[in-house]
N, C-alpha and C. Protein backbone atom coordinates (compact mmCIF):
# COMPACT_ATOMS: atom_id res chain seq x y z
N MET A 1 64.37 288.82 24.01
CA MET A 1 65.35 288.72 22.78
C MET A 1 66.12 287.56 22.92
N MET A 2 66.49 286.79 21.95
CA MET A 2 67.32 285.66 22.10
C MET A 2 68.80 286.11 22.26
N GLU A 3 69.47 285.54 23.20
CA GLU A 3 70.89 285.90 23.45
C GLU A 3 71.80 285.17 22.38
N PHE A 4 72.86 285.87 22.08
CA PHE A 4 73.93 285.46 21.13
C PHE A 4 74.42 284.08 21.63
N SER A 5 74.55 283.95 22.87
CA SER A 5 75.18 282.62 23.46
C SER A 5 74.10 281.44 23.54
N ASN A 6 72.87 281.80 23.06
CA ASN A 6 71.93 280.80 23.08
C ASN A 6 72.29 279.57 22.36
N PRO A 7 72.36 278.21 22.97
CA PRO A 7 72.83 277.08 22.17
C PRO A 7 71.85 276.34 21.33
N ALA A 8 70.57 276.64 21.36
CA ALA A 8 69.56 275.82 20.85
C ALA A 8 69.34 276.14 19.31
N PRO A 9 69.82 275.04 18.48
CA PRO A 9 69.74 275.23 17.16
C PRO A 9 68.28 275.45 16.56
N SER A 10 67.37 274.90 17.17
CA SER A 10 65.87 275.01 16.71
C SER A 10 65.45 276.56 16.76
N LEU A 11 65.99 277.28 17.80
CA LEU A 11 65.57 278.70 17.92
C LEU A 11 66.30 279.53 16.77
N TRP A 12 67.65 279.13 16.51
CA TRP A 12 68.12 279.84 15.41
C TRP A 12 67.71 279.52 14.12
N ARG A 13 67.32 278.25 13.89
CA ARG A 13 66.66 277.86 12.60
C ARG A 13 65.41 278.74 12.45
N GLU A 14 64.65 278.75 13.58
CA GLU A 14 63.34 279.66 13.38
C GLU A 14 63.59 281.03 13.12
N ALA A 15 64.50 281.57 13.72
CA ALA A 15 64.92 282.98 13.36
C ALA A 15 65.35 283.06 12.02
N LEU A 16 66.28 282.18 11.38
CA LEU A 16 66.60 282.29 10.04
C LEU A 16 65.57 282.04 9.06
N SER A 17 64.56 281.17 9.39
CA SER A 17 63.43 281.01 8.45
C SER A 17 62.60 282.20 8.51
N SER A 18 62.51 283.06 9.40
CA SER A 18 61.67 284.25 9.44
C SER A 18 62.24 285.36 8.66
N TYR A 19 63.55 285.22 8.07
CA TYR A 19 64.24 286.29 7.42
C TYR A 19 63.46 286.74 6.29
N PRO A 20 62.98 285.87 5.28
CA PRO A 20 62.28 286.50 4.12
C PRO A 20 61.04 287.28 4.60
N SER A 21 60.36 286.82 5.54
CA SER A 21 59.06 287.68 6.03
C SER A 21 59.46 288.98 6.56
N LYS A 22 60.62 288.93 7.36
CA LYS A 22 61.14 290.30 8.02
C LYS A 22 61.45 291.29 6.76
N ILE A 23 62.05 290.68 5.73
CA ILE A 23 62.44 291.65 4.52
C ILE A 23 61.24 292.19 3.98
N GLU A 24 60.26 291.32 3.84
CA GLU A 24 58.87 291.80 3.15
C GLU A 24 58.18 292.88 4.12
N ALA A 25 58.36 292.50 5.49
CA ALA A 25 57.66 293.42 6.37
C ALA A 25 58.22 294.80 6.44
N LEU A 26 59.56 294.97 6.19
CA LEU A 26 60.08 296.35 6.16
C LEU A 26 59.41 297.35 5.27
N GLY A 27 58.89 296.59 4.21
CA GLY A 27 58.08 297.52 3.22
C GLY A 27 58.85 298.46 2.38
N LYS A 28 60.19 298.29 2.20
CA LYS A 28 61.01 299.17 1.54
C LYS A 28 61.02 298.75 -0.08
N PRO A 29 60.91 299.90 -0.94
CA PRO A 29 60.73 299.62 -2.33
C PRO A 29 62.04 298.81 -2.90
N ASN A 30 61.78 297.77 -3.57
CA ASN A 30 62.85 296.96 -4.31
C ASN A 30 63.60 296.13 -3.26
N LEU A 31 63.34 296.13 -1.94
CA LEU A 31 64.18 295.32 -1.15
C LEU A 31 63.96 293.85 -1.28
N VAL A 32 62.78 293.32 -1.57
CA VAL A 32 62.60 291.89 -1.74
C VAL A 32 63.18 291.41 -3.05
N SER A 33 63.25 292.17 -4.06
CA SER A 33 64.04 291.72 -5.19
C SER A 33 65.47 291.91 -5.17
N LEU A 34 65.92 293.00 -4.51
CA LEU A 34 67.38 293.15 -4.15
C LEU A 34 67.87 292.02 -3.33
N ASP A 35 67.06 291.72 -2.25
CA ASP A 35 67.65 290.62 -1.50
C ASP A 35 67.60 289.22 -2.24
N ASP A 36 66.76 289.06 -3.19
CA ASP A 36 66.81 287.89 -3.97
C ASP A 36 67.93 287.82 -4.78
N PHE A 37 68.21 289.03 -5.47
CA PHE A 37 69.48 289.20 -6.20
C PHE A 37 70.70 288.95 -5.35
N TYR A 38 70.74 289.28 -4.12
CA TYR A 38 71.95 289.13 -3.33
C TYR A 38 72.20 287.74 -3.00
N ARG A 39 71.12 287.13 -2.37
CA ARG A 39 71.16 285.84 -1.81
C ARG A 39 71.25 284.64 -2.93
N ASN A 40 70.52 284.83 -3.96
CA ASN A 40 70.21 283.75 -5.00
C ASN A 40 71.10 284.04 -6.35
N GLU A 41 70.82 285.13 -6.92
CA GLU A 41 71.28 285.31 -8.15
C GLU A 41 72.91 285.56 -8.12
N LEU A 42 73.23 286.60 -7.40
CA LEU A 42 74.70 286.96 -7.31
C LEU A 42 75.51 285.76 -7.05
N PRO A 43 75.42 284.92 -6.12
CA PRO A 43 76.33 283.95 -5.85
C PRO A 43 76.44 282.80 -7.02
N LEU A 44 75.36 282.61 -7.74
CA LEU A 44 75.49 281.92 -9.11
C LEU A 44 76.27 282.61 -9.99
N LEU A 45 76.12 283.83 -10.21
CA LEU A 45 76.87 284.57 -11.30
C LEU A 45 78.51 284.63 -10.97
N LEU A 46 78.75 284.66 -9.67
CA LEU A 46 80.14 284.75 -9.29
C LEU A 46 80.69 283.22 -9.61
N HIS A 47 80.12 282.33 -9.08
CA HIS A 47 80.66 280.99 -9.30
C HIS A 47 80.72 280.49 -10.67
N GLU A 48 79.83 281.05 -11.53
CA GLU A 48 79.97 280.63 -13.04
C GLU A 48 81.23 281.11 -13.64
N ARG A 49 81.85 282.06 -13.04
CA ARG A 49 82.99 282.74 -13.66
C ARG A 49 84.40 281.94 -13.29
N ASN A 50 84.23 280.73 -13.26
CA ASN A 50 85.55 279.90 -12.97
C ASN A 50 86.51 279.98 -14.11
N PRO A 51 87.80 279.92 -13.97
CA PRO A 51 88.51 279.52 -12.80
C PRO A 51 88.88 280.81 -12.00
N SER A 52 88.40 282.14 -12.45
CA SER A 52 88.92 283.18 -11.68
C SER A 52 87.73 284.25 -11.49
N PRO A 53 86.81 283.81 -10.43
CA PRO A 53 85.60 284.58 -10.31
C PRO A 53 85.90 286.04 -9.82
N TYR A 54 84.88 286.92 -10.29
CA TYR A 54 85.03 288.29 -10.02
C TYR A 54 83.55 289.00 -10.00
N ILE A 55 83.44 290.07 -9.65
CA ILE A 55 82.28 290.83 -9.50
C ILE A 55 82.25 292.02 -10.47
N THR A 56 81.22 292.36 -11.12
CA THR A 56 81.28 293.44 -12.05
C THR A 56 80.79 294.85 -11.36
N THR A 57 81.14 295.84 -11.98
CA THR A 57 80.68 297.20 -11.37
C THR A 57 79.19 297.23 -11.20
N SER A 58 78.44 296.85 -12.22
CA SER A 58 76.96 296.97 -12.04
C SER A 58 76.49 296.08 -11.05
N GLU A 59 77.11 294.89 -10.70
CA GLU A 59 76.68 293.85 -9.72
C GLU A 59 77.05 294.51 -8.39
N LEU A 60 78.24 295.09 -8.24
CA LEU A 60 78.57 295.77 -6.99
C LEU A 60 77.63 296.90 -6.67
N SER A 61 77.20 297.58 -7.73
CA SER A 61 76.35 298.63 -7.36
C SER A 61 74.99 298.24 -7.03
N LYS A 62 74.56 297.12 -7.47
CA LYS A 62 73.25 296.38 -7.05
C LYS A 62 73.46 295.91 -5.71
N LEU A 63 74.62 295.24 -5.28
CA LEU A 63 74.95 294.88 -3.98
C LEU A 63 74.76 296.08 -2.93
N MET A 64 75.52 297.31 -3.43
CA MET A 64 75.48 298.41 -2.51
C MET A 64 73.93 298.83 -2.30
N GLN A 65 73.00 298.71 -3.37
CA GLN A 65 71.73 299.16 -3.13
C GLN A 65 70.89 298.24 -2.14
N TRP A 66 71.47 296.92 -2.25
CA TRP A 66 70.74 296.08 -1.21
C TRP A 66 71.22 296.38 0.29
N LYS A 67 72.52 296.59 0.30
CA LYS A 67 73.15 296.81 1.65
C LYS A 67 72.50 297.99 2.13
N LEU A 68 72.38 299.07 1.37
CA LEU A 68 71.97 300.47 1.93
C LEU A 68 70.37 300.50 2.30
N THR A 69 69.68 299.67 1.25
CA THR A 69 68.12 299.51 1.52
C THR A 69 67.88 298.67 2.71
N ARG A 70 68.62 297.67 3.03
CA ARG A 70 68.40 296.75 4.13
C ARG A 70 68.72 297.44 5.33
N GLY A 71 69.64 298.32 5.28
CA GLY A 71 70.40 299.12 6.40
C GLY A 71 70.10 300.68 6.52
N LYS A 72 71.06 301.31 6.41
CA LYS A 72 71.10 302.76 6.42
C LYS A 72 71.43 303.33 5.11
N TRP A 73 70.50 304.24 4.75
CA TRP A 73 70.77 304.75 3.26
C TRP A 73 71.88 305.85 3.17
N ARG A 74 72.77 305.59 2.36
CA ARG A 74 73.88 306.62 2.25
C ARG A 74 74.11 306.77 0.77
N PRO A 75 73.53 307.48 0.16
CA PRO A 75 73.59 307.58 -1.35
C PRO A 75 74.85 307.94 -1.98
N ARG A 76 75.78 308.53 -1.12
CA ARG A 76 77.05 308.94 -1.67
C ARG A 76 77.99 307.67 -2.04
N LEU A 77 77.72 306.80 -1.14
CA LEU A 77 78.56 305.46 -1.36
C LEU A 77 77.95 304.72 -2.57
N LEU A 78 76.79 304.89 -2.86
CA LEU A 78 76.22 304.16 -4.07
C LEU A 78 76.69 305.02 -5.22
N ASP A 79 76.87 306.27 -5.26
CA ASP A 79 77.48 307.11 -6.41
C ASP A 79 78.95 306.71 -6.50
N PHE A 80 79.61 306.53 -5.43
CA PHE A 80 81.06 306.24 -5.54
C PHE A 80 81.28 304.81 -6.35
N VAL A 81 80.45 303.90 -5.80
CA VAL A 81 80.57 302.56 -6.25
C VAL A 81 80.27 302.33 -7.67
N SER A 82 79.07 303.06 -8.17
CA SER A 82 78.61 303.10 -9.55
C SER A 82 79.56 303.49 -10.48
N SER A 83 80.39 304.51 -9.98
CA SER A 83 81.24 305.08 -10.99
C SER A 83 82.73 304.50 -11.08
N LEU A 84 82.83 303.29 -10.39
CA LEU A 84 84.14 302.61 -10.27
C LEU A 84 84.43 302.10 -11.73
N ASP A 85 85.78 302.10 -12.17
CA ASP A 85 86.25 301.37 -13.28
C ASP A 85 86.03 299.94 -13.25
N GLU A 86 85.38 299.51 -14.41
CA GLU A 86 85.19 298.08 -14.45
C GLU A 86 86.41 297.19 -14.29
N SER A 87 87.49 297.51 -14.88
CA SER A 87 88.77 296.68 -14.82
C SER A 87 89.25 296.64 -13.34
N LEU A 88 89.10 297.79 -12.68
CA LEU A 88 89.57 297.73 -11.30
C LEU A 88 88.72 296.99 -10.44
N VAL A 89 87.41 297.07 -10.53
CA VAL A 89 86.54 296.06 -9.71
C VAL A 89 86.73 294.59 -10.01
N LYS A 90 86.88 294.28 -11.22
CA LYS A 90 87.20 292.94 -11.65
C LYS A 90 88.46 292.45 -11.04
N LEU A 91 89.51 293.17 -11.12
CA LEU A 91 90.87 292.82 -10.70
C LEU A 91 90.90 292.60 -9.09
N ALA A 92 90.28 293.69 -8.58
CA ALA A 92 90.19 293.62 -7.02
C ALA A 92 89.51 292.63 -6.43
N SER A 93 88.41 292.28 -7.21
CA SER A 93 87.60 291.14 -6.64
C SER A 93 88.19 289.72 -6.82
N GLN A 94 88.73 289.67 -8.14
CA GLN A 94 89.49 288.42 -8.34
C GLN A 94 90.51 288.01 -7.29
N LYS A 95 91.46 289.07 -6.99
CA LYS A 95 92.42 288.92 -5.99
C LYS A 95 91.71 288.59 -4.55
N ALA A 96 90.60 289.29 -4.30
CA ALA A 96 89.93 289.09 -2.94
C ALA A 96 89.53 287.60 -2.85
N PHE A 97 88.79 287.02 -3.90
CA PHE A 97 88.27 285.89 -3.78
C PHE A 97 89.39 284.79 -3.78
N GLN A 98 90.57 285.15 -4.41
CA GLN A 98 91.62 284.07 -4.41
C GLN A 98 92.32 284.19 -3.06
N CYS A 99 92.09 285.15 -2.26
CA CYS A 99 92.86 285.21 -0.92
C CYS A 99 92.08 284.39 0.14
N LEU A 100 90.81 284.08 -0.04
CA LEU A 100 89.93 283.28 0.83
C LEU A 100 90.68 281.94 1.04
N PRO A 101 90.57 281.32 2.13
CA PRO A 101 89.91 281.78 3.41
C PRO A 101 90.57 282.85 4.29
N ASP A 102 91.57 283.45 3.79
CA ASP A 102 92.18 284.62 4.55
C ASP A 102 91.29 285.83 4.41
N ILE A 103 90.38 285.97 5.42
CA ILE A 103 89.45 287.22 5.33
C ILE A 103 90.16 288.61 5.41
N SER A 104 91.22 288.62 6.16
CA SER A 104 91.83 289.81 6.33
C SER A 104 92.48 290.38 4.98
N LYS A 105 93.15 289.40 4.36
CA LYS A 105 93.65 289.73 2.86
C LYS A 105 92.75 290.01 1.94
N ALA A 106 91.64 289.17 2.13
CA ALA A 106 90.47 289.53 1.00
C ALA A 106 89.89 290.89 1.24
N VAL A 107 89.56 291.22 2.26
CA VAL A 107 89.01 292.56 2.53
C VAL A 107 89.96 293.63 2.12
N SER A 108 91.24 293.46 2.43
CA SER A 108 92.16 294.65 2.16
C SER A 108 92.32 294.75 0.59
N GLU A 109 92.17 293.70 -0.22
CA GLU A 109 92.14 293.82 -1.71
C GLU A 109 90.96 294.58 -2.17
N LEU A 110 89.84 294.70 -1.31
CA LEU A 110 88.52 295.36 -1.96
C LEU A 110 88.43 296.75 -1.42
N THR A 111 88.96 297.07 -0.25
CA THR A 111 88.75 298.36 0.40
C THR A 111 89.50 299.52 -0.31
N PRO A 112 90.50 299.18 -1.24
CA PRO A 112 90.96 300.55 -1.97
C PRO A 112 90.10 300.93 -3.03
N LEU A 113 89.04 300.20 -3.30
CA LEU A 113 88.01 300.64 -4.23
C LEU A 113 87.18 301.83 -3.53
N LYS A 114 86.97 303.00 -4.19
CA LYS A 114 86.31 304.22 -3.53
C LYS A 114 84.92 303.74 -3.08
N GLY A 115 84.44 303.80 -1.93
CA GLY A 115 83.16 303.72 -1.47
C GLY A 115 83.08 302.28 -0.83
N VAL A 116 84.15 301.41 -0.98
CA VAL A 116 84.03 300.13 -0.44
C VAL A 116 84.80 300.07 0.97
N GLY A 117 84.17 299.98 2.00
CA GLY A 117 84.75 299.69 3.17
C GLY A 117 84.82 298.25 3.64
N PRO A 118 85.22 298.01 4.83
CA PRO A 118 85.17 296.63 5.34
C PRO A 118 83.60 296.04 5.37
N ALA A 119 82.74 296.79 5.70
CA ALA A 119 81.42 296.33 5.58
C ALA A 119 80.90 295.88 4.27
N THR A 120 81.16 296.83 3.04
CA THR A 120 80.72 296.50 1.91
C THR A 120 81.62 295.34 1.25
N ALA A 121 82.72 295.39 1.70
CA ALA A 121 83.67 294.28 1.29
C ALA A 121 83.15 292.90 1.94
N SER A 122 82.61 292.99 3.08
CA SER A 122 82.13 291.68 3.69
C SER A 122 81.00 291.13 2.94
N ALA A 123 80.20 292.23 2.45
CA ALA A 123 78.97 291.66 1.62
C ALA A 123 79.41 290.90 0.41
N VAL A 124 80.50 291.50 -0.27
CA VAL A 124 81.02 290.86 -1.47
C VAL A 124 81.51 289.51 -1.11
N LEU A 125 82.23 289.47 -0.20
CA LEU A 125 82.74 288.17 0.27
C LEU A 125 81.69 287.05 0.67
N ALA A 126 80.80 287.61 1.32
CA ALA A 126 79.72 286.72 1.95
C ALA A 126 78.88 286.28 0.67
N ALA A 127 78.72 286.90 -0.36
CA ALA A 127 78.03 286.48 -1.59
C ALA A 127 78.77 285.36 -2.23
N TYR A 128 80.04 285.46 -2.17
CA TYR A 128 80.92 284.51 -2.90
C TYR A 128 81.16 283.30 -1.92
N ALA A 129 81.37 283.51 -0.62
CA ALA A 129 81.81 282.36 0.30
C ALA A 129 80.93 282.54 1.63
N PRO A 130 79.53 282.24 1.60
CA PRO A 130 78.87 282.43 2.84
C PRO A 130 79.29 281.53 4.10
N ASP A 131 79.99 280.53 3.58
CA ASP A 131 80.46 279.60 4.63
C ASP A 131 81.77 280.08 5.36
N ILE A 132 82.25 281.02 4.74
CA ILE A 132 83.58 281.82 5.50
C ILE A 132 83.26 283.15 6.03
N ALA A 133 82.81 283.89 5.16
CA ALA A 133 82.66 285.46 5.52
C ALA A 133 81.20 285.94 5.66
N PRO A 134 80.76 286.33 6.90
CA PRO A 134 79.46 286.91 7.03
C PRO A 134 79.46 288.31 6.64
N PHE A 135 78.20 288.78 6.38
CA PHE A 135 78.16 290.19 6.15
C PHE A 135 78.06 291.00 7.45
N MET A 136 78.80 292.07 7.40
CA MET A 136 79.00 292.93 8.62
C MET A 136 77.75 293.93 8.98
N SER A 137 76.65 293.30 9.25
CA SER A 137 75.47 294.22 9.43
C SER A 137 75.57 294.82 10.89
N ASP A 138 74.82 295.94 10.96
CA ASP A 138 74.87 296.62 12.34
C ASP A 138 74.19 295.59 13.42
N GLU A 139 73.08 294.99 12.93
CA GLU A 139 72.36 294.29 13.76
C GLU A 139 72.92 293.18 14.46
N ALA A 140 73.78 292.46 13.53
CA ALA A 140 74.52 291.28 13.84
C ALA A 140 75.68 291.62 14.81
N MET A 141 76.34 292.77 14.36
CA MET A 141 77.50 293.30 15.12
C MET A 141 77.12 293.50 16.47
N GLU A 142 76.05 294.31 16.70
CA GLU A 142 75.36 294.68 18.13
C GLU A 142 75.26 293.45 18.88
N ALA A 143 74.63 292.42 18.31
CA ALA A 143 74.32 291.23 19.07
C ALA A 143 75.56 290.27 19.44
N ALA A 144 76.47 290.25 18.50
CA ALA A 144 77.69 289.49 18.75
C ALA A 144 78.73 290.16 19.45
N LEU A 145 78.97 291.51 19.26
CA LEU A 145 79.90 292.20 19.91
C LEU A 145 79.56 293.27 20.76
N GLY A 146 78.26 293.73 20.74
CA GLY A 146 77.77 294.71 21.60
C GLY A 146 78.15 296.05 21.20
N ASN A 147 78.64 296.20 19.73
CA ASN A 147 79.07 297.40 19.28
C ASN A 147 78.85 297.39 17.86
N SER A 148 78.17 298.32 17.32
CA SER A 148 77.83 298.34 15.72
C SER A 148 78.27 299.74 15.10
N LYS A 149 79.21 300.35 15.88
CA LYS A 149 79.74 301.73 15.48
C LYS A 149 81.08 301.70 14.75
N ASP A 150 81.74 300.39 14.98
CA ASP A 150 83.23 300.30 14.57
C ASP A 150 83.27 299.57 13.35
N TYR A 151 83.71 300.18 12.25
CA TYR A 151 83.55 299.43 10.99
C TYR A 151 84.97 299.04 10.45
N SER A 152 85.89 299.00 11.36
CA SER A 152 87.34 298.67 11.10
C SER A 152 87.51 297.24 10.57
N LEU A 153 88.61 296.95 9.91
CA LEU A 153 88.98 295.59 9.67
C LEU A 153 89.06 294.65 10.91
N LYS A 154 89.85 295.38 11.85
CA LYS A 154 90.01 294.66 13.12
C LYS A 154 88.63 294.28 13.59
N GLN A 155 87.72 295.03 13.74
CA GLN A 155 86.32 294.72 14.33
C GLN A 155 85.70 293.77 13.38
N TYR A 156 85.90 293.79 12.19
CA TYR A 156 85.17 292.79 11.25
C TYR A 156 85.88 291.34 11.44
N LEU A 157 87.15 291.30 11.73
CA LEU A 157 87.64 290.03 11.92
C LEU A 157 87.17 289.41 13.22
N SER A 158 87.10 290.19 14.32
CA SER A 158 86.40 289.76 15.53
C SER A 158 85.04 289.26 15.39
N PHE A 159 84.36 290.03 14.57
CA PHE A 159 82.93 289.69 14.25
C PHE A 159 82.85 288.39 13.36
N ALA A 160 83.61 288.28 12.36
CA ALA A 160 83.65 287.02 11.56
C ALA A 160 83.91 285.84 12.33
N LYS A 161 85.01 285.85 13.33
CA LYS A 161 85.38 284.78 14.03
C LYS A 161 84.41 284.31 15.01
N LYS A 162 83.49 285.34 15.67
CA LYS A 162 82.55 284.96 16.48
C LYS A 162 81.36 284.21 15.81
N LEU A 163 81.05 284.71 14.62
CA LEU A 163 79.98 284.01 13.79
C LEU A 163 80.46 282.71 13.16
N GLN A 164 81.74 282.59 12.84
CA GLN A 164 82.13 281.38 12.41
C GLN A 164 82.14 280.24 13.56
N ASP A 165 82.51 280.69 14.71
CA ASP A 165 82.38 279.85 15.85
C ASP A 165 80.94 279.40 16.32
N LYS A 166 80.10 280.42 16.16
CA LYS A 166 78.67 280.07 16.44
C LYS A 166 78.05 279.03 15.39
N ALA A 167 78.53 279.32 14.10
CA ALA A 167 77.98 278.40 12.88
C ALA A 167 78.48 276.89 13.30
N LYS A 168 79.87 276.73 13.62
CA LYS A 168 80.28 275.41 14.05
C LYS A 168 79.50 274.88 15.26
N GLU A 169 79.21 275.62 16.22
CA GLU A 169 78.58 275.17 17.43
C GLU A 169 77.18 274.77 16.96
N LEU A 170 76.53 275.42 16.15
CA LEU A 170 75.05 275.00 15.75
C LEU A 170 74.92 273.92 14.80
N SER A 171 76.16 273.84 13.96
CA SER A 171 76.16 272.71 12.82
C SER A 171 76.50 271.41 13.67
N SER A 172 77.05 271.42 14.69
CA SER A 172 77.74 270.24 15.51
C SER A 172 76.33 269.54 16.00
N GLU A 173 75.21 270.23 16.05
CA GLU A 173 73.97 269.48 16.56
C GLU A 173 73.18 269.12 15.56
N GLY A 174 73.66 268.89 14.35
CA GLY A 174 72.84 268.29 13.22
C GLY A 174 72.43 269.15 12.31
N GLN A 175 72.41 270.51 12.45
CA GLN A 175 71.93 271.51 11.60
C GLN A 175 73.04 271.98 10.78
N ASN A 176 72.88 272.33 9.57
CA ASN A 176 73.86 272.98 8.80
C ASN A 176 73.97 274.44 8.75
N PHE A 177 74.67 275.15 9.43
CA PHE A 177 74.65 276.63 9.66
C PHE A 177 76.00 277.13 9.04
N THR A 178 75.89 278.24 8.49
CA THR A 178 77.03 278.95 7.81
C THR A 178 77.04 280.26 8.74
N PRO A 179 78.17 280.89 8.58
CA PRO A 179 78.27 282.18 9.39
C PRO A 179 77.14 283.18 8.80
N SER A 180 77.03 283.22 7.55
CA SER A 180 76.00 283.97 6.84
C SER A 180 74.66 283.75 7.29
N ASP A 181 74.29 282.44 7.64
CA ASP A 181 73.02 282.04 8.27
C ASP A 181 72.88 282.66 9.53
N VAL A 182 74.02 282.69 10.39
CA VAL A 182 73.85 283.21 11.77
C VAL A 182 73.64 284.84 11.66
N GLU A 183 74.40 285.57 10.75
CA GLU A 183 74.07 286.77 10.43
C GLU A 183 72.65 287.23 10.07
N ARG A 184 71.98 286.37 9.22
CA ARG A 184 70.56 286.65 8.87
C ARG A 184 69.70 286.29 10.12
N ALA A 185 69.93 285.22 10.78
CA ALA A 185 69.10 285.02 12.10
C ALA A 185 69.21 286.10 12.97
N LEU A 186 70.46 286.66 13.22
CA LEU A 186 70.66 287.80 14.19
C LEU A 186 70.03 289.14 13.69
N TRP A 187 70.05 289.35 12.32
CA TRP A 187 69.24 290.50 11.78
C TRP A 187 67.84 290.24 12.02
N SER A 188 67.28 289.17 11.69
CA SER A 188 65.89 288.95 11.77
C SER A 188 65.33 289.01 13.27
N ILE A 189 66.05 288.60 14.14
CA ILE A 189 65.71 288.82 15.52
C ILE A 189 65.59 290.25 15.88
N ALA A 190 66.64 290.90 15.37
CA ALA A 190 66.77 292.49 15.78
C ALA A 190 65.63 293.17 15.12
N VAL A 191 65.27 292.96 13.95
CA VAL A 191 64.16 293.59 13.16
C VAL A 191 62.93 293.22 13.82
N GLY A 192 62.65 291.99 14.23
CA GLY A 192 61.58 291.55 14.92
C GLY A 192 61.24 292.44 16.38
N GLU A 193 62.37 292.60 16.92
CA GLU A 193 62.30 293.37 18.26
C GLU A 193 61.83 294.68 18.00
N LYS A 194 62.43 295.19 16.95
CA LYS A 194 62.01 296.70 16.53
C LYS A 194 60.62 296.79 16.11
N PHE A 195 60.03 295.71 15.42
CA PHE A 195 58.64 295.81 15.06
C PHE A 195 57.83 295.75 16.28
N LYS A 196 58.16 294.91 17.29
CA LYS A 196 57.52 294.81 18.68
C LYS A 196 57.54 296.07 19.32
N GLY A 197 58.68 296.83 19.39
CA GLY A 197 58.84 298.02 19.91
C GLY A 197 57.89 299.20 19.29
N SER A 198 57.88 299.20 18.01
CA SER A 198 57.01 300.09 17.30
C SER A 198 55.56 299.85 17.50
N GLN A 199 55.30 298.55 17.60
CA GLN A 199 53.84 298.07 17.78
C GLN A 199 53.25 298.64 19.10
N SER A 200 54.14 298.53 20.17
CA SER A 200 53.89 298.82 21.75
C SER A 200 53.66 300.34 21.76
N GLU A 201 54.37 301.19 20.85
CA GLU A 201 54.39 302.51 20.92
C GLU A 201 53.13 302.95 20.29
N LEU A 202 52.51 302.19 19.37
CA LEU A 202 51.29 302.66 18.70
C LEU A 202 50.04 302.19 19.39
N GLU A 203 50.25 301.28 20.46
CA GLU A 203 49.02 300.90 21.15
C GLU A 203 48.37 302.10 21.87
N PRO A 204 46.93 302.03 21.91
CA PRO A 204 46.33 303.14 22.63
C PRO A 204 46.55 303.21 24.04
N LYS A 205 46.53 304.30 24.56
CA LYS A 205 46.94 304.45 26.09
C LYS A 205 45.74 305.35 26.72
N LYS A 206 45.51 304.76 27.85
CA LYS A 206 44.48 305.38 28.73
C LYS A 206 44.89 306.78 29.25
N GLU A 207 43.78 307.74 29.20
CA GLU A 207 44.13 309.19 29.74
C GLU A 207 43.25 309.37 30.99
N GLY A 208 43.91 309.42 32.11
CA GLY A 208 43.11 309.73 33.32
C GLY A 208 42.10 308.95 33.66
N LYS A 209 40.95 309.33 34.38
CA LYS A 209 39.95 308.56 34.88
C LYS A 209 38.83 308.46 33.81
N THR A 210 38.88 309.07 32.61
CA THR A 210 37.92 309.16 31.65
C THR A 210 37.81 307.94 30.72
N GLY A 211 39.00 307.27 30.84
CA GLY A 211 39.05 306.17 29.96
C GLY A 211 39.41 306.43 28.48
N THR A 212 39.55 307.73 28.10
CA THR A 212 39.70 307.98 26.74
C THR A 212 40.99 307.64 26.20
N LYS A 213 41.16 307.38 25.02
CA LYS A 213 42.43 306.82 24.51
C LYS A 213 43.14 307.86 23.48
N ARG A 214 44.33 308.05 23.77
CA ARG A 214 45.14 308.88 23.03
C ARG A 214 45.65 308.23 21.68
N LYS A 215 45.31 308.75 20.65
CA LYS A 215 45.58 308.28 19.20
C LYS A 215 46.97 308.85 18.85
N ARG A 216 47.70 307.85 18.15
CA ARG A 216 48.97 308.36 17.67
C ARG A 216 48.90 307.96 16.23
N LYS A 217 49.69 308.86 15.51
CA LYS A 217 49.81 308.75 13.96
C LYS A 217 50.84 307.84 13.69
N THR A 218 50.76 307.01 12.70
CA THR A 218 51.65 305.95 12.30
C THR A 218 52.59 306.77 11.41
N SER A 219 53.81 306.81 11.66
CA SER A 219 54.83 307.47 10.59
C SER A 219 55.21 306.32 9.47
N LYS A 220 55.56 307.04 8.49
CA LYS A 220 55.79 306.16 7.24
C LYS A 220 57.02 306.39 6.81
């Protein structure tokens, strides 16, 4: 597995370019369309709302669907977010976007919303400003910090700083990387490793001297 400290932009670019295929390979319902919404449609919608960009409750709900489908499914969070008052979501997101590039203040404007912790807040900020705020995914946190269990603001700030620094390092070699590019590359690498592990578990194994092979069922 590629180390976070690896300085080769070509390897990072390769990992990043494999992201769409890894999304498809997960085989999760609606994930491809949700990911397209999150990476391509939502940023345009947010930036069209100048001079004071904001996110709507329905868009935040769809963002949460993307986050939970790509990661761990926690339906209560989706219920909380989907029932948020439209005016509260609009005001909180307007303030958050205006706080950038101060990530700490921006996250703190969003987290009072029920169901929105630092990880979800980071997804909102990454959709609006991928060049500043990376999404706080478990896979990328594990690679960058060696810990994916701490979802505090302090942990996110450490995570964001590491990915910002890595993006600058990789961009200095002539490649244009954002912190969000780094996050997706790390996620792709981690998912690829999981696929390899699953494949090796499913490979037939020899039993004793008879050479018979034990069959394992594929879990869905």
